[in-house]
């Protein structure tokens, strides 16, 4: 199975995830949702977040221009929730 198939079939296909991206630890998008474009700065911030998880937990991340709260981060994955604007 490719990473793109994993994103499409398992993440998006679950109905619980609306956008997803798999980024390598050196940066670079391995797979992502259609139209979900992450800038090189956003990719670098994600990679740095795994080196400083407390910072990402406190400040969240910005992906495709959208702010996300960090719900969970471990050595392999980061899960975020979209910031709700009022």
PDB file of N, CA and C in Angstrom:
ATOM      1  N   UNK A   1       0.845  -1.176   0.000  1.00  0.00           N
ATOM      2  CA  UNK A   1       0.000   0.000   0.000  1.00  0.00           C
ATOM      3  C   UNK A   1       0.892   1.242   0.000  1.00  0.00           C
ATOM      4  N   UNK A   2       0.517   2.215  -0.783  1.00  0.00           N
ATOM      5  CA  UNK A   2       1.252   3.477  -0.818  1.00  0.00           C
ATOM      6  C   UNK A   2       0.754   4.395   0.296  1.00  0.00           C
ATOM      7  N   UNK A   3       1.564   5.427   0.605  1.00  0.00           N
ATOM      8  CA  UNK A   3       1.118   6.403   1.597  1.00  0.00           C
ATOM      9  C   UNK A   3      -0.123   7.139   1.105  1.00  0.00           C
ATOM     10  N   UNK A   4      -0.202   7.378  -0.196  1.00  0.00           N
ATOM     11  CA  UNK A   4      -1.380   8.063  -0.729  1.00  0.00           C
ATOM     12  C   UNK A   4      -2.630   7.207  -0.552  1.00  0.00           C
ATOM     13  N   UNK A   5      -2.510   5.912  -0.781  1.00  0.00           N
ATOM     14  CA  UNK A   5      -3.645   5.010  -0.566  1.00  0.00           C
ATOM     15  C   UNK A   5      -4.044   4.998   0.907  1.00  0.00           C
ATOM     16  N   UNK A   6      -3.067   5.061   1.796  1.00  0.00           N
ATOM     17  CA  UNK A   6      -3.368   5.101   3.232  1.00  0.00           C
ATOM     18  C   UNK A   6      -4.171   6.362   3.567  1.00  0.00           C
ATOM     19  N   UNK A   7      -3.725   7.506   3.052  1.00  0.00           N
ATOM     20  CA  UNK A   7      -4.458   8.758   3.289  1.00  0.00           C
ATOM     21  C   UNK A   7      -5.870   8.655   2.728  1.00  0.00           C
ATOM     22  N   UNK A   8      -5.987   8.222   1.473  1.00  0.00           N
ATOM     23  CA  UNK A   8      -7.290   8.180   0.808  1.00  0.00           C
ATOM     24  C   UNK A   8      -8.232   7.147   1.411  1.00  0.00           C
ATOM     25  N   UNK A   9      -7.745   5.935   1.609  1.00  0.00           N
ATOM     26  CA  UNK A   9      -8.611   4.831   2.017  1.00  0.00           C
ATOM     27  C   UNK A   9      -8.837   4.751   3.520  1.00  0.00           C
ATOM     28  N   UNK A  10      -7.788   4.952   4.298  1.00  0.00           N
ATOM     29  CA  UNK A  10      -7.907   4.738   5.741  1.00  0.00           C
ATOM     30  C   UNK A  10      -8.219   6.010   6.522  1.00  0.00           C
ATOM     31  N   UNK A  11      -7.613   7.112   6.151  1.00  0.00           N
ATOM     32  CA  UNK A  11      -7.873   8.346   6.887  1.00  0.00           C
ATOM     33  C   UNK A  11      -9.121   9.045   6.364  1.00  0.00           C
ATOM     34  N   UNK A  12      -9.094   9.478   5.123  1.00  0.00           N
ATOM     35  CA  UNK A  12     -10.265  10.148   4.557  1.00  0.00           C
ATOM     36  C   UNK A  12     -11.445   9.197   4.435  1.00  0.00           C
ATOM     37  N   UNK A  13     -11.161   7.955   4.083  1.00  0.00           N
ATOM     38  CA  UNK A  13     -12.209   6.954   3.925  1.00  0.00           C
ATOM     39  C   UNK A  13     -12.933   6.605   5.209  1.00  0.00           C
ATOM     40  N   UNK A  14     -12.326   6.930   6.357  1.00  0.00           N
ATOM     41  CA  UNK A  14     -12.966   6.640   7.643  1.00  0.00           C
ATOM     42  C   UNK A  14     -14.161   7.550   7.893  1.00  0.00           C
ATOM     43  N   UNK A  15     -14.197   8.689   7.210  1.00  0.00           N
ATOM     44  CA  UNK A  15     -15.258   9.652   7.454  1.00  0.00           C
ATOM     45  C   UNK A  15     -15.005  10.512   8.681  1.00  0.00           C
ATOM     46  N   UNK A  16     -13.934  10.242   9.414  1.00  0.00           N
ATOM     47  CA  UNK A  16     -13.613  10.998  10.627  1.00  0.00           C
ATOM     48  C   UNK A  16     -12.537  12.044  10.383  1.00  0.00           C
ATOM     49  N   UNK A  17     -11.876  11.957   9.248  1.00  0.00           N
ATOM     50  CA  UNK A  17     -10.791  12.870   8.897  1.00  0.00           C
ATOM     51  C   UNK A  17     -11.171  13.568   7.598  1.00  0.00           C
ATOM     52  N   UNK A  18     -11.040  14.891   7.573  1.00  0.00           N
ATOM     53  CA  UNK A  18     -11.386  15.631   6.359  1.00  0.00           C
ATOM     54  C   UNK A  18     -10.165  16.071   5.562  1.00  0.00           C
ATOM     55  N   UNK A  19      -9.026  16.218   6.239  1.00  0.00           N
ATOM     56  CA  UNK A  19      -7.778  16.592   5.574  1.00  0.00           C
ATOM     57  C   UNK A  19      -6.646  15.848   6.253  1.00  0.00           C
ATOM     58  N   UNK A  20      -5.681  15.417   5.447  1.00  0.00           N
ATOM     59  CA  UNK A  20      -4.549  14.686   6.015  1.00  0.00           C
ATOM     60  C   UNK A  20      -3.322  14.888   5.151  1.00  0.00           C
ATOM     61  N   UNK A  21      -2.171  14.797   5.807  1.00  0.00           N
ATOM     62  CA  UNK A  21      -0.897  14.846   5.090  1.00  0.00           C
ATOM     63  C   UNK A  21       0.099  13.980   5.838  1.00  0.00           C
ATOM     64  N   UNK A  22       0.954  13.325   5.094  1.00  0.00           N
ATOM     65  CA  UNK A  22       2.063  12.573   5.671  1.00  0.00           C
ATOM     66  C   UNK A  22       3.331  13.266   5.199  1.00  0.00           C
ATOM     67  N   UNK A  23       4.114  13.719   6.181  1.00  0.00           N
ATOM     68  CA  UNK A  23       5.330  14.481   5.922  1.00  0.00           C
ATOM     69  C   UNK A  23       6.519  13.668   6.415  1.00  0.00           C
ATOM     70  N   UNK A  24       7.596  13.633   5.653  1.00  0.00           N
ATOM     71  CA  UNK A  24       8.816  12.957   6.076  1.00  0.00           C
ATOM     72  C   UNK A  24       9.520  13.741   7.176  1.00  0.00           C
ATOM     73  N   UNK A  25      10.316  13.070   7.992  1.00  0.00           N
ATOM     74  CA  UNK A  25      11.012  13.737   9.090  1.00  0.00           C
ATOM     75  C   UNK A  25      12.063  14.738   8.616  1.00  0.00           C
ATOM     76  N   UNK A  26      12.451  14.676   7.369  1.00  0.00           N
ATOM     77  CA  UNK A  26      13.347  15.679   6.804  1.00  0.00           C
ATOM     78  C   UNK A  26      12.559  16.702   5.985  1.00  0.00           C
ATOM     79  N   UNK A  27      11.244  16.644   6.078  1.00  0.00           N
ATOM     80  CA  UNK A  27      10.384  17.511   5.282  1.00  0.00           C
ATOM     81  C   UNK A  27       9.982  16.792   4.004  1.00  0.00           C
ATOM     82  N   UNK A  28       9.135  17.403   3.249  1.00  0.00           N
ATOM     83  CA  UNK A  28       8.649  16.805   2.012  1.00  0.00           C
ATOM     84  C   UNK A  28       7.349  16.056   2.236  1.00  0.00           C
ATOM     85  N   UNK A  29       6.373  16.338   1.403  1.00  0.00           N
ATOM     86  CA  UNK A  29       5.060  15.706   1.503  1.00  0.00           C
ATOM     87  C   UNK A  29       5.115  14.348   0.820  1.00  0.00           C
ATOM     88  N   UNK A  30       4.802  13.300   1.563  1.00  0.00           N
ATOM     89  CA  UNK A  30       4.760  11.941   1.006  1.00  0.00           C
ATOM     90  C   UNK A  30       3.382  11.642   0.432  1.00  0.00           C
ATOM     91  N   UNK A  31       2.343  12.188   1.064  1.00  0.00           N
ATOM     92  CA  UNK A  31       0.965  11.989   0.607  1.00  0.00           C
ATOM     93  C   UNK A  31       0.098  13.047   1.274  1.00  0.00           C
ATOM     94  N   UNK A  32      -0.997  13.419   0.609  1.00  0.00           N
ATOM     95  CA  UNK A  32      -1.897  14.396   1.213  1.00  0.00           C
ATOM     96  C   UNK A  32      -3.269  14.337   0.553  1.00  0.00           C
ATOM     97  N   UNK A  33      -4.221  14.946   1.235  1.00  0.00           N
ATOM     98  CA  UNK A  33      -5.559  15.085   0.676  1.00  0.00           C
ATOM     99  C   UNK A  33      -5.483  15.951  -0.571  1.00  0.00           C
ATOM    100  N   UNK A  34      -6.381  15.719  -1.497  1.00  0.00           N
ATOM    101  CA  UNK A  34      -6.433  16.506  -2.731  1.00  0.00           C
ATOM    102  C   UNK A  34      -6.616  17.986  -2.395  1.00  0.00           C
ATOM    103  N   UNK A  35      -5.757  18.819  -2.962  1.00  0.00           N
ATOM    104  CA  UNK A  35      -5.863  20.253  -2.758  1.00  0.00           C
ATOM    105  C   UNK A  35      -5.314  20.754  -1.436  1.00  0.00           C
ATOM    106  N   UNK A  36      -4.744  19.880  -0.627  1.00  0.00           N
ATOM    107  CA  UNK A  36      -4.217  20.258   0.687  1.00  0.00           C
ATOM    108  C   UNK A  36      -2.728  20.539   0.532  1.00  0.00           C
ATOM    109  N   UNK A  37      -2.387  21.792   0.335  1.00  0.00           N
ATOM    110  CA  UNK A  37      -1.021  22.190   0.031  1.00  0.00           C
ATOM    111  C   UNK A  37      -0.360  22.808   1.252  1.00  0.00           C
ATOM    112  N   UNK A  38       0.743  22.223   1.680  1.00  0.00           N
ATOM    113  CA  UNK A  38       1.495  22.732   2.823  1.00  0.00           C
ATOM    114  C   UNK A  38       2.742  23.448   2.312  1.00  0.00           C
ATOM    115  N   UNK A  39       2.961  24.661   2.801  1.00  0.00           N
ATOM    116  CA  UNK A  39       4.146  25.412   2.386  1.00  0.00           C
ATOM    117  C   UNK A  39       5.400  24.765   2.972  1.00  0.00           C
ATOM    118  N   UNK A  40       6.548  25.110   2.423  1.00  0.00           N
ATOM    119  CA  UNK A  40       7.801  24.566   2.963  1.00  0.00           C
ATOM    120  C   UNK A  40       8.012  25.031   4.397  1.00  0.00           C
ATOM    121  N   UNK A  41       7.566  26.234   4.732  1.00  0.00           N
ATOM    122  CA  UNK A  41       7.672  26.731   6.106  1.00  0.00           C
ATOM    123  C   UNK A  41       6.794  25.910   7.048  1.00  0.00           C
ATOM    124  N   UNK A  42       5.585  25.587   6.610  1.00  0.00           N
ATOM    125  CA  UNK A  42       4.683  24.769   7.433  1.00  0.00           C
ATOM    126  C   UNK A  42       5.246  23.366   7.617  1.00  0.00           C
ATOM    127  N   UNK A  43       5.820  22.810   6.568  1.00  0.00           N
ATOM    128  CA  UNK A  43       6.448  21.492   6.679  1.00  0.00           C
ATOM    129  C   UNK A  43       7.600  21.532   7.670  1.00  0.00           C
ATOM    130  N   UNK A  44       8.440  22.562   7.583  1.00  0.00           N
ATOM    131  CA  UNK A  44       9.581  22.697   8.493  1.00  0.00           C
ATOM    132  C   UNK A  44       9.110  22.852   9.935  1.00  0.00           C
ATOM    133  N   UNK A  45       8.039  23.606  10.153  1.00  0.00           N
ATOM    134  CA  UNK A  45       7.501  23.781  11.503  1.00  0.00           C
ATOM    135  C   UNK A  45       6.974  22.464  12.060  1.00  0.00           C
ATOM    136  N   UNK A  46       6.356  21.658  11.204  1.00  0.00           N
ATOM    137  CA  UNK A  46       5.886  20.337  11.641  1.00  0.00           C
ATOM    138  C   UNK A  46       7.049  19.456  12.061  1.00  0.00           C
ATOM    139  N   UNK A  47       8.082  19.402  11.234  1.00  0.00           N
ATOM    140  CA  UNK A  47       9.258  18.588  11.544  1.00  0.00           C
ATOM    141  C   UNK A  47       9.886  19.066  12.853  1.00  0.00           C
ATOM    142  N   UNK A  48      10.015  20.377  13.027  1.00  0.00           N
ATOM    143  CA  UNK A  48      10.581  20.937  14.255  1.00  0.00           C
ATOM    144  C   UNK A  48       9.712  20.600  15.462  1.00  0.00           C
ATOM    145  N   UNK A  49       8.415  20.486  15.248  1.00  0.00           N
ATOM    146  CA  UNK A  49       7.497  20.163  16.336  1.00  0.00           C
ATOM    147  C   UNK A  49       7.777  18.823  16.988  1.00  0.00           C
ATOM    148  N   UNK A  50       8.298  17.885  16.232  1.00  0.00           N
ATOM    149  CA  UNK A  50       8.620  16.583  16.806  1.00  0.00           C
ATOM    150  C   UNK A  50       9.864  16.658  17.683  1.00  0.00           C
ATOM    151  N   UNK A  51      10.676  17.694  17.494  1.00  0.00           N
ATOM    152  CA  UNK A  51      11.855  17.901  18.339  1.00  0.00           C
ATOM    153  C   UNK A  51      11.495  18.697  19.587  1.00  0.00           C
ATOM    154  N   UNK A  52      10.410  19.466  19.520  1.00  0.00           N
ATOM    155  CA  UNK A  52       9.936  20.293  20.636  1.00  0.00           C
ATOM    156  C   UNK A  52       8.430  20.119  20.799  1.00  0.00           C
ATOM    157  N   UNK A  53       7.987  18.921  21.197  1.00  0.00           N
ATOM    158  CA  UNK A  53       6.540  18.676  21.260  1.00  0.00           C
ATOM    159  C   UNK A  53       5.795  19.583  22.236  1.00  0.00           C
ATOM    160  N   UNK A  54       6.450  20.031  23.315  1.00  0.00           N
ATOM    161  CA  UNK A  54       5.771  20.915  24.263  1.00  0.00           C
ATOM    162  C   UNK A  54       5.375  22.234  23.602  1.00  0.00           C
ATOM    163  N   UNK A  55       6.229  22.721  22.724  1.00  0.00           N
ATOM    164  CA  UNK A  55       5.941  23.974  22.026  1.00  0.00           C
ATOM    165  C   UNK A  55       4.734  23.812  21.099  1.00  0.00           C
ATOM    166  N   UNK A  56       4.699  22.708  20.359  1.00  0.00           N
ATOM    167  CA  UNK A  56       3.578  22.450  19.450  1.00  0.00           C
ATOM    168  C   UNK A  56       2.292  22.214  20.242  1.00  0.00           C
ATOM    169  N   UNK A  57       2.408  21.542  21.382  1.00  0.00           N
ATOM    170  CA  UNK A  57       1.236  21.298  22.230  1.00  0.00           C
ATOM    171  C   UNK A  57       0.673  22.625  22.735  1.00  0.00           C
ATOM    172  N   UNK A  58       1.550  23.553  23.089  1.00  0.00           N
ATOM    173  CA  UNK A  58       1.108  24.842  23.629  1.00  0.00           C
ATOM    174  C   UNK A  58       0.607  25.800  22.552  1.00  0.00           C
ATOM    175  N   UNK A  59       1.256  25.798  21.386  1.00  0.00           N
ATOM    176  CA  UNK A  59       0.969  26.807  20.366  1.00  0.00           C
ATOM    177  C   UNK A  59       0.176  26.319  19.166  1.00  0.00           C
ATOM    178  N   UNK A  60       0.071  25.014  18.987  1.00  0.00           N
ATOM    179  CA  UNK A  60      -0.605  24.491  17.814  1.00  0.00           C
ATOM    180  C   UNK A  60       0.279  24.592  16.581  1.00  0.00           C
ATOM    181  N   UNK A  61      -0.306  24.340  15.435  1.00  0.00           N
ATOM    182  CA  UNK A  61       0.421  24.392  14.168  1.00  0.00           C
ATOM    183  C   UNK A  61      -0.440  25.078  13.117  1.00  0.00           C
ATOM    184  N   UNK A  62       0.209  25.569  12.083  1.00  0.00           N
ATOM    185  CA  UNK A  62      -0.490  26.168  10.954  1.00  0.00           C
ATOM    186  C   UNK A  62      -0.208  25.291   9.742  1.00  0.00           C
ATOM    187  N   UNK A  63      -1.276  24.806   9.116  1.00  0.00           N
ATOM    188  CA  UNK A  63      -1.166  23.935   7.947  1.00  0.00           C
ATOM    189  C   UNK A  63      -2.088  24.446   6.856  1.00  0.00           C
ATOM    190  N   UNK A  64      -1.545  24.608   5.671  1.00  0.00           N
ATOM    191  CA  UNK A  64      -2.299  25.143   4.532  1.00  0.00           C
ATOM    192  C   UNK A  64      -2.980  26.453   4.918  1.00  0.00           C
ATOM    193  N   UNK A  65      -2.270  27.259   5.738  1.00  0.00           N
ATOM    194  CA  UNK A  65      -2.775  28.558   6.155  1.00  0.00           C
ATOM    195  C   UNK A  65      -3.805  28.525   7.262  1.00  0.00           C
ATOM    196  N   UNK A  66      -4.157  27.357   7.755  1.00  0.00           N
ATOM    197  CA  UNK A  66      -5.196  27.188   8.783  1.00  0.00           C
ATOM    198  C   UNK A  66      -4.544  26.831  10.119  1.00  0.00           C
ATOM    199  N   UNK A  67      -4.978  27.481  11.200  1.00  0.00           N
ATOM    200  CA  UNK A  67      -4.455  27.198  12.539  1.00  0.00           C
ATOM    201  C   UNK A  67      -5.149  25.961  13.110  1.00  0.00           C
ATOM    202  N   UNK A  68      -4.348  25.064  13.700  1.00  0.00           N
ATOM    203  CA  UNK A  68      -4.861  23.860  14.343  1.00  0.00           C
ATOM    204  C   UNK A  68      -4.347  23.782  15.771  1.00  0.00           C
ATOM    205  N   UNK A  69      -5.217  23.386  16.688  1.00  0.00           N
ATOM    206  CA  UNK A  69      -4.796  23.047  18.036  1.00  0.00           C
ATOM    207  C   UNK A  69      -4.200  21.655  17.997  1.00  0.00           C
ATOM    208  N   UNK A  70      -3.167  21.423  18.772  1.00  0.00           N
ATOM    209  CA  UNK A  70      -2.576  20.092  18.853  1.00  0.00           C
ATOM    210  C   UNK A  70      -3.359  19.289  19.877  1.00  0.00           C
ATOM    211  N   UNK A  71      -4.009  18.243  19.421  1.00  0.00           N
ATOM    212  CA  UNK A  71      -4.772  17.356  20.294  1.00  0.00           C
ATOM    213  C   UNK A  71      -3.840  16.325  20.922  1.00  0.00           C
ATOM    214  N   UNK A  72      -2.911  15.804  20.111  1.00  0.00           N
ATOM    215  CA  UNK A  72      -1.972  14.778  20.584  1.00  0.00           C
ATOM    216  C   UNK A  72      -0.740  14.786  19.693  1.00  0.00           C
ATOM    217  N   UNK A  73       0.422  14.626  20.313  1.00  0.00           N
ATOM    218  CA  UNK A  73       1.659  14.454  19.553  1.00  0.00           C
ATOM    219  C   UNK A  73       2.494  13.388  20.242  1.00  0.00           C
ATOM    220  N   UNK A  74       3.049  12.486  19.453  1.00  0.00           N
ATOM    221  CA  UNK A  74       3.984  11.489  19.968  1.00  0.00           C
ATOM    222  C   UNK A  74       5.147  11.405  18.985  1.00  0.00           C
ATOM    223  N   UNK A  75       5.985  10.423  19.127  1.00  0.00           N
ATOM    224  CA  UNK A  75       7.184  10.342  18.283  1.00  0.00           C
ATOM    225  C   UNK A  75       6.872  10.063  16.813  1.00  0.00           C
ATOM    226  N   UNK A  76       5.651   9.648  16.501  1.00  0.00           N
ATOM    227  CA  UNK A  76       5.287   9.281  15.126  1.00  0.00           C
ATOM    228  C   UNK A  76       4.239  10.171  14.488  1.00  0.00           C
ATOM    229  N   UNK A  77       3.346  10.733  15.298  1.00  0.00           N
ATOM    230  CA  UNK A  77       2.163  11.390  14.735  1.00  0.00           C
ATOM    231  C   UNK A  77       1.801  12.661  15.486  1.00  0.00           C
ATOM    232  N   UNK A  78       1.155  13.551  14.762  1.00  0.00           N
ATOM    233  CA  UNK A  78       0.579  14.742  15.355  1.00  0.00           C
ATOM    234  C   UNK A  78      -0.878  14.796  14.918  1.00  0.00           C
ATOM    235  N   UNK A  79      -1.758  14.954  15.873  1.00  0.00           N
ATOM    236  CA  UNK A  79      -3.187  15.059  15.586  1.00  0.00           C
ATOM    237  C   UNK A  79      -3.641  16.458  15.971  1.00  0.00           C
ATOM    238  N   UNK A  80      -4.319  17.123  15.057  1.00  0.00           N
ATOM    239  CA  UNK A  80      -4.769  18.476  15.319  1.00  0.00           C
ATOM    240  C   UNK A  80      -6.256  18.629  15.081  1.00  0.00           C
ATOM    241  N   UNK A  81      -6.785  19.688  15.661  1.00  0.00           N
ATOM    242  CA  UNK A  81      -8.196  20.019  15.488  1.00  0.00           C
ATOM    243  C   UNK A  81      -8.267  21.475  15.048  1.00  0.00           C
ATOM    244  N   UNK A  82      -9.095  21.734  14.056  1.00  0.00           N
ATOM    245  CA  UNK A  82      -9.205  23.083  13.506  1.00  0.00           C
ATOM    246  C   UNK A  82      -9.695  24.058  14.562  1.00  0.00           C
ATOM    247  N   UNK A  83      -9.077  25.230  14.566  1.00  0.00           N
ATOM    248  CA  UNK A  83      -9.479  26.284  15.475  1.00  0.00           C
ATOM    249  C   UNK A  83     -10.846  26.802  15.058  1.00  0.00           C
ATOM    250  N   UNK A  84     -11.745  26.914  16.003  1.00  0.00           N
ATOM    251  CA  UNK A  84     -13.086  27.417  15.721  1.00  0.00           C
ATOM    252  C   UNK A  84     -13.080  28.929  15.874  1.00  0.00           C
ATOM    253  N   UNK A  85     -13.543  29.608  14.857  1.00  0.00           N
ATOM    254  CA  UNK A  85     -13.629  31.076  14.914  1.00  0.00           C
ATOM    255  C   UNK A  85     -15.039  31.464  15.296  1.00  0.00           C
ATOM    256  N   UNK A  86     -15.125  32.434  16.145  1.00  0.00           N
ATOM    257  CA  UNK A  86     -16.444  32.897  16.600  1.00  0.00           C
ATOM    258  C   UNK A  86     -16.759  34.246  16.055  1.00  0.00           C
TER     259      UNK A  86
END
